[in-house]
Amino acid sequence: MEKEIKTEYKMIKVNKELHKLLKIESVSSGKSMQNIAEKAIKNYIHILECIE
């Protein structure tokens, strides 16, 4: 029996320019657009917390 791999997808809305940049980064790095976006958002939140 094969074990099913469940993937959790999270949706975020981005404008066309940001989507294009994510796509380019995804292709060049081999990482998923979702992972790149999540990392960028986490970094952004961390920077905001450091500023305050």
N, C-alpha and C. Protein backbone atom coordinates (compact mmCIF):
# COMPACT_ATOMS: atom_id res chain seq x y z
N MET A 1 0.83 -1.19 0.00
CA MET A 1 0.00 0.00 0.00
C MET A 1 0.87 1.25 0.00
N GLU A 2 0.48 2.17 -0.83
CA GLU A 2 1.20 3.43 -0.86
C GLU A 2 0.56 4.42 0.10
N LYS A 3 1.39 5.17 0.76
CA LYS A 3 0.91 6.17 1.70
C LYS A 3 0.61 7.46 0.93
N GLU A 4 -0.57 8.01 1.15
CA GLU A 4 -0.93 9.25 0.48
C GLU A 4 -0.21 10.42 1.13
N ILE A 5 0.30 11.29 0.30
CA ILE A 5 0.96 12.49 0.80
C ILE A 5 -0.04 13.63 0.70
N LYS A 6 -0.36 14.20 1.85
CA LYS A 6 -1.32 15.30 1.88
C LYS A 6 -0.55 16.62 1.86
N THR A 7 -0.88 17.44 0.90
CA THR A 7 -0.23 18.74 0.78
C THR A 7 -1.21 19.82 1.20
N GLU A 8 -0.74 20.71 2.04
CA GLU A 8 -1.59 21.81 2.49
C GLU A 8 -1.27 23.04 1.65
N TYR A 9 -2.29 23.57 1.01
CA TYR A 9 -2.12 24.75 0.18
C TYR A 9 -2.74 25.95 0.89
N LYS A 10 -2.04 27.06 0.85
CA LYS A 10 -2.54 28.29 1.42
C LYS A 10 -2.59 29.32 0.30
N MET A 11 -3.70 30.01 0.21
CA MET A 11 -3.88 30.98 -0.87
C MET A 11 -3.65 32.39 -0.36
N ILE A 12 -2.90 33.16 -1.12
CA ILE A 12 -2.78 34.59 -0.85
C ILE A 12 -2.97 35.31 -2.18
N LYS A 13 -3.53 36.50 -2.11
CA LYS A 13 -3.71 37.29 -3.32
C LYS A 13 -2.51 38.21 -3.50
N VAL A 14 -1.95 38.21 -4.68
CA VAL A 14 -0.84 39.11 -4.99
C VAL A 14 -1.13 39.78 -6.34
N ASN A 15 -0.54 40.94 -6.53
CA ASN A 15 -0.75 41.61 -7.81
C ASN A 15 0.08 40.92 -8.90
N LYS A 16 -0.15 41.30 -10.14
CA LYS A 16 0.51 40.62 -11.27
C LYS A 16 2.02 40.76 -11.22
N GLU A 17 2.51 41.94 -10.83
CA GLU A 17 3.96 42.17 -10.79
C GLU A 17 4.62 41.26 -9.76
N LEU A 18 4.03 41.16 -8.57
CA LEU A 18 4.57 40.29 -7.53
C LEU A 18 4.49 38.83 -7.94
N HIS A 19 3.40 38.44 -8.58
CA HIS A 19 3.24 37.06 -9.05
C HIS A 19 4.34 36.71 -10.05
N LYS A 20 4.64 37.65 -10.95
CA LYS A 20 5.70 37.44 -11.94
C LYS A 20 7.05 37.25 -11.25
N LEU A 21 7.34 38.09 -10.24
CA LEU A 21 8.61 37.97 -9.51
C LEU A 21 8.70 36.65 -8.76
N LEU A 22 7.59 36.23 -8.14
CA LEU A 22 7.57 34.94 -7.43
C LEU A 22 7.82 33.79 -8.40
N LYS A 23 7.21 33.87 -9.57
CA LYS A 23 7.36 32.82 -10.57
C LYS A 23 8.82 32.71 -11.04
N ILE A 24 9.43 33.86 -11.30
CA ILE A 24 10.84 33.88 -11.74
C ILE A 24 11.74 33.30 -10.66
N GLU A 25 11.53 33.72 -9.41
CA GLU A 25 12.34 33.22 -8.29
C GLU A 25 12.13 31.72 -8.10
N SER A 26 10.89 31.27 -8.26
CA SER A 26 10.58 29.85 -8.10
C SER A 26 11.31 29.01 -9.14
N VAL A 27 11.28 29.45 -10.38
CA VAL A 27 11.94 28.70 -11.45
C VAL A 27 13.45 28.69 -11.25
N SER A 28 14.02 29.83 -10.88
CA SER A 28 15.47 29.91 -10.75
C SER A 28 16.01 29.18 -9.52
N SER A 29 15.20 29.12 -8.45
CA SER A 29 15.69 28.48 -7.22
C SER A 29 15.22 27.04 -7.06
N GLY A 30 14.17 26.66 -7.78
CA GLY A 30 13.63 25.31 -7.66
C GLY A 30 12.72 25.14 -6.46
N LYS A 31 12.38 26.24 -5.80
CA LYS A 31 11.47 26.18 -4.64
C LYS A 31 10.07 26.57 -5.10
N SER A 32 9.08 26.15 -4.33
CA SER A 32 7.71 26.47 -4.70
C SER A 32 7.41 27.94 -4.43
N MET A 33 6.49 28.47 -5.21
CA MET A 33 6.08 29.87 -5.03
C MET A 33 5.50 30.07 -3.63
N GLN A 34 4.78 29.07 -3.14
CA GLN A 34 4.17 29.16 -1.81
C GLN A 34 5.25 29.30 -0.74
N ASN A 35 6.29 28.47 -0.81
CA ASN A 35 7.35 28.54 0.19
C ASN A 35 8.09 29.87 0.15
N ILE A 36 8.34 30.38 -1.06
CA ILE A 36 9.02 31.67 -1.19
C ILE A 36 8.16 32.78 -0.60
N ALA A 37 6.86 32.76 -0.90
CA ALA A 37 5.96 33.80 -0.39
C ALA A 37 5.86 33.73 1.13
N GLU A 38 5.74 32.51 1.69
CA GLU A 38 5.65 32.36 3.15
C GLU A 38 6.90 32.89 3.84
N LYS A 39 8.06 32.56 3.28
CA LYS A 39 9.32 33.02 3.88
C LYS A 39 9.42 34.54 3.82
N ALA A 40 9.02 35.13 2.70
CA ALA A 40 9.07 36.58 2.54
C ALA A 40 8.14 37.27 3.54
N ILE A 41 6.95 36.71 3.73
CA ILE A 41 5.99 37.31 4.67
C ILE A 41 6.51 37.20 6.09
N LYS A 42 7.07 36.05 6.45
CA LYS A 42 7.63 35.88 7.80
C LYS A 42 8.77 36.86 8.05
N ASN A 43 9.65 37.03 7.05
CA ASN A 43 10.75 37.99 7.18
C ASN A 43 10.22 39.41 7.33
N TYR A 44 9.20 39.75 6.57
CA TYR A 44 8.61 41.09 6.63
C TYR A 44 8.03 41.36 8.01
N ILE A 45 7.30 40.39 8.56
CA ILE A 45 6.71 40.54 9.89
C ILE A 45 7.80 40.66 10.94
N HIS A 46 8.86 39.87 10.81
CA HIS A 46 9.97 39.93 11.76
C HIS A 46 10.63 41.32 11.73
N ILE A 47 10.83 41.86 10.55
CA ILE A 47 11.43 43.19 10.42
C ILE A 47 10.53 44.24 11.07
N LEU A 48 9.22 44.13 10.83
CA LEU A 48 8.28 45.09 11.44
C LEU A 48 8.34 45.02 12.97
N GLU A 49 8.45 43.81 13.51
CA GLU A 49 8.52 43.65 14.96
C GLU A 49 9.81 44.24 15.51
N CYS A 50 10.90 44.13 14.78
CA CYS A 50 12.18 44.68 15.23
C CYS A 50 12.17 46.20 15.21
N ILE A 51 11.45 46.78 14.26
CA ILE A 51 11.39 48.23 14.15
C ILE A 51 10.61 48.83 15.32
N GLU A 52 9.56 48.16 15.74
CA GLU A 52 8.71 48.69 16.81
C GLU A 52 9.34 48.64 18.14
